[in-house]
Amino acid sequence: MSNLDALSERIDALEMRLAYQDVTIETLNQTITAQWLEIDKLTRQLAELKERVRETESHTAGPSNEPPPHY
């Protein structure tokens, strides 16, 4: 095998690896984007739930550690 054939094979191997890496990078990018969207959604839901808890606590009368009336 001549040097030209060996070089051609190496270039082909590098091109295949590059193509595989491009697909892998795109897949990882899509996964990360989906995860960030989910994290953003969950962060907004958490903020909404915190606000609901604050509103509920502000509308309750008396201390929360008060014993029940039958004591």
N, C-alpha and C. Protein backbone atom coordinates (compact mmCIF):
# COMPACT_ATOMS: atom_id res chain seq x y z
N MET A 1 0.85 -1.16 0.00
CA MET A 1 0.00 0.00 0.00
C MET A 1 0.90 1.24 0.00
N SER A 2 0.57 2.16 -0.81
CA SER A 2 1.39 3.36 -0.92
C SER A 2 1.01 4.37 0.17
N ASN A 3 1.84 5.34 0.32
CA ASN A 3 1.58 6.39 1.30
C ASN A 3 0.29 7.13 0.98
N LEU A 4 0.00 7.29 -0.29
CA LEU A 4 -1.22 7.98 -0.70
C LEU A 4 -2.46 7.21 -0.27
N ASP A 5 -2.43 5.88 -0.42
CA ASP A 5 -3.56 5.05 0.00
C ASP A 5 -3.72 5.11 1.52
N ALA A 6 -2.62 5.03 2.24
CA ALA A 6 -2.68 5.10 3.70
C ALA A 6 -3.23 6.44 4.16
N LEU A 7 -2.79 7.50 3.54
CA LEU A 7 -3.26 8.84 3.87
C LEU A 7 -4.75 8.97 3.56
N SER A 8 -5.16 8.41 2.43
CA SER A 8 -6.57 8.45 2.05
C SER A 8 -7.43 7.71 3.07
N GLU A 9 -6.97 6.56 3.54
CA GLU A 9 -7.71 5.79 4.55
C GLU A 9 -7.80 6.56 5.87
N ARG A 10 -6.71 7.20 6.26
CA ARG A 10 -6.72 7.99 7.49
C ARG A 10 -7.70 9.15 7.39
N ILE A 11 -7.72 9.80 6.23
CA ILE A 11 -8.66 10.91 6.03
C ILE A 11 -10.09 10.40 6.07
N ASP A 12 -10.35 9.27 5.44
CA ASP A 12 -11.69 8.68 5.48
C ASP A 12 -12.10 8.36 6.91
N ALA A 13 -11.19 7.78 7.68
CA ALA A 13 -11.48 7.46 9.08
C ALA A 13 -11.78 8.72 9.88
N LEU A 14 -11.00 9.76 9.66
CA LEU A 14 -11.24 11.03 10.35
C LEU A 14 -12.57 11.65 9.96
N GLU A 15 -12.93 11.57 8.69
CA GLU A 15 -14.21 12.10 8.24
C GLU A 15 -15.38 11.34 8.88
N MET A 16 -15.24 10.01 9.00
CA MET A 16 -16.29 9.22 9.65
C MET A 16 -16.42 9.60 11.12
N ARG A 17 -15.27 9.75 11.79
CA ARG A 17 -15.31 10.14 13.21
C ARG A 17 -15.93 11.52 13.37
N LEU A 18 -15.60 12.43 12.48
CA LEU A 18 -16.16 13.78 12.54
C LEU A 18 -17.67 13.75 12.35
N ALA A 19 -18.13 12.97 11.39
CA ALA A 19 -19.57 12.86 11.15
C ALA A 19 -20.27 12.28 12.38
N TYR A 20 -19.70 11.26 12.98
CA TYR A 20 -20.28 10.66 14.18
C TYR A 20 -20.30 11.68 15.32
N GLN A 21 -19.22 12.43 15.47
CA GLN A 21 -19.16 13.43 16.54
C GLN A 21 -20.17 14.55 16.31
N ASP A 22 -20.39 14.94 15.06
CA ASP A 22 -21.40 15.95 14.76
C ASP A 22 -22.79 15.48 15.19
N VAL A 23 -23.11 14.23 14.90
CA VAL A 23 -24.41 13.68 15.30
C VAL A 23 -24.51 13.63 16.82
N THR A 24 -23.44 13.21 17.46
CA THR A 24 -23.43 13.13 18.93
C THR A 24 -23.61 14.51 19.55
N ILE A 25 -22.90 15.49 19.04
CA ILE A 25 -23.02 16.85 19.57
C ILE A 25 -24.42 17.39 19.38
N GLU A 26 -25.02 17.16 18.24
CA GLU A 26 -26.38 17.63 18.00
C GLU A 26 -27.38 16.95 18.95
N THR A 27 -27.20 15.65 19.17
CA THR A 27 -28.06 14.92 20.09
C THR A 27 -27.92 15.48 21.51
N LEU A 28 -26.68 15.71 21.93
CA LEU A 28 -26.45 16.28 23.26
C LEU A 28 -27.05 17.68 23.37
N ASN A 29 -26.92 18.47 22.34
CA ASN A 29 -27.49 19.82 22.35
C ASN A 29 -29.01 19.77 22.50
N GLN A 30 -29.65 18.87 21.78
CA GLN A 30 -31.11 18.74 21.89
C GLN A 30 -31.51 18.29 23.30
N THR A 31 -30.74 17.37 23.86
CA THR A 31 -31.03 16.89 25.21
C THR A 31 -30.88 18.00 26.23
N ILE A 32 -29.81 18.77 26.12
CA ILE A 32 -29.58 19.86 27.07
C ILE A 32 -30.66 20.93 26.92
N THR A 33 -31.04 21.23 25.69
CA THR A 33 -32.10 22.22 25.48
C THR A 33 -33.40 21.76 26.11
N ALA A 34 -33.75 20.50 25.93
CA ALA A 34 -34.98 19.96 26.53
C ALA A 34 -34.90 20.01 28.05
N GLN A 35 -33.74 19.70 28.61
CA GLN A 35 -33.58 19.74 30.06
C GLN A 35 -33.72 21.16 30.59
N TRP A 36 -33.15 22.14 29.91
CA TRP A 36 -33.27 23.53 30.37
C TRP A 36 -34.71 24.00 30.29
N LEU A 37 -35.44 23.59 29.27
CA LEU A 37 -36.86 23.94 29.19
C LEU A 37 -37.62 23.34 30.37
N GLU A 38 -37.32 22.10 30.70
CA GLU A 38 -37.97 21.43 31.83
C GLU A 38 -37.59 22.11 33.15
N ILE A 39 -36.32 22.45 33.31
CA ILE A 39 -35.87 23.13 34.53
C ILE A 39 -36.57 24.49 34.66
N ASP A 40 -36.69 25.21 33.56
CA ASP A 40 -37.36 26.50 33.58
C ASP A 40 -38.82 26.35 33.98
N LYS A 41 -39.47 25.36 33.42
CA LYS A 41 -40.88 25.09 33.75
C LYS A 41 -41.03 24.74 35.23
N LEU A 42 -40.16 23.88 35.72
CA LEU A 42 -40.23 23.48 37.13
C LEU A 42 -39.91 24.64 38.07
N THR A 43 -38.99 25.51 37.67
CA THR A 43 -38.66 26.68 38.48
C THR A 43 -39.86 27.62 38.60
N ARG A 44 -40.56 27.81 37.48
CA ARG A 44 -41.77 28.66 37.54
C ARG A 44 -42.85 28.02 38.39
N GLN A 45 -43.01 26.70 38.29
CA GLN A 45 -44.02 26.02 39.11
C GLN A 45 -43.67 26.12 40.59
N LEU A 46 -42.39 25.99 40.91
CA LEU A 46 -41.96 26.11 42.30
C LEU A 46 -42.24 27.50 42.84
N ALA A 47 -41.95 28.53 42.05
CA ALA A 47 -42.21 29.90 42.48
C ALA A 47 -43.71 30.11 42.71
N GLU A 48 -44.53 29.54 41.82
CA GLU A 48 -45.97 29.66 41.98
C GLU A 48 -46.45 28.95 43.24
N LEU A 49 -45.92 27.79 43.51
CA LEU A 49 -46.30 27.06 44.72
C LEU A 49 -45.86 27.79 45.99
N LYS A 50 -44.67 28.39 45.95
CA LYS A 50 -44.21 29.18 47.10
C LYS A 50 -45.15 30.35 47.35
N GLU A 51 -45.58 30.99 46.28
CA GLU A 51 -46.50 32.11 46.42
C GLU A 51 -47.83 31.64 47.00
N ARG A 52 -48.32 30.52 46.54
CA ARG A 52 -49.58 29.97 47.08
C ARG A 52 -49.45 29.66 48.56
N VAL A 53 -48.32 29.10 48.96
CA VAL A 53 -48.11 28.78 50.38
C VAL A 53 -48.08 30.07 51.19
N ARG A 54 -47.38 31.10 50.70
CA ARG A 54 -47.36 32.39 51.40
C ARG A 54 -48.75 32.96 51.55
N GLU A 55 -49.54 32.91 50.47
CA GLU A 55 -50.91 33.43 50.52
C GLU A 55 -51.75 32.64 51.51
N THR A 56 -51.61 31.34 51.50
CA THR A 56 -52.37 30.50 52.42
C THR A 56 -51.98 30.79 53.86
N GLU A 57 -50.68 30.92 54.11
CA GLU A 57 -50.23 31.22 55.46
C GLU A 57 -50.70 32.59 55.93
N SER A 58 -50.78 33.55 55.03
CA SER A 58 -51.21 34.89 55.43
C SER A 58 -52.71 34.96 55.68
N HIS A 59 -53.48 34.03 55.14
CA HIS A 59 -54.92 34.02 55.35
C HIS A 59 -55.35 33.16 56.54
N THR A 60 -54.45 32.42 57.13
CA THR A 60 -54.81 31.60 58.28
C THR A 60 -54.72 32.46 59.54
N ALA A 61 -55.67 32.26 60.44
CA ALA A 61 -55.71 33.04 61.68
C ALA A 61 -55.01 32.28 62.80
N GLY A 62 -54.27 32.99 63.60
CA GLY A 62 -53.64 32.39 64.77
C GLY A 62 -52.39 31.63 64.43
N PRO A 63 -51.65 31.29 65.49
CA PRO A 63 -50.42 30.53 65.28
C PRO A 63 -50.72 29.10 64.83
N SER A 64 -49.83 28.56 64.05
CA SER A 64 -50.06 27.22 63.51
C SER A 64 -49.78 26.13 64.54
N ASN A 65 -49.12 26.45 65.66
CA ASN A 65 -48.81 25.44 66.67
C ASN A 65 -49.81 25.46 67.82
N GLU A 66 -50.95 26.08 67.62
CA GLU A 66 -51.98 26.15 68.65
C GLU A 66 -52.63 24.76 68.81
N PRO A 67 -52.86 24.32 70.05
CA PRO A 67 -53.47 23.01 70.23
C PRO A 67 -54.92 23.01 69.75
N PRO A 68 -55.42 21.85 69.37
CA PRO A 68 -56.81 21.76 68.92
C PRO A 68 -57.77 22.16 70.03
N PRO A 69 -59.00 22.54 69.70
CA PRO A 69 -59.97 23.04 70.69
C PRO A 69 -60.35 22.00 71.77
N HIS A 70 -60.24 20.73 71.51
CA HIS A 70 -60.68 19.74 72.48
C HIS A 70 -59.68 19.54 73.61
N TYR A 71 -58.53 20.22 73.61
CA TYR A 71 -57.58 20.08 74.72
C TYR A 71 -57.90 21.01 75.83
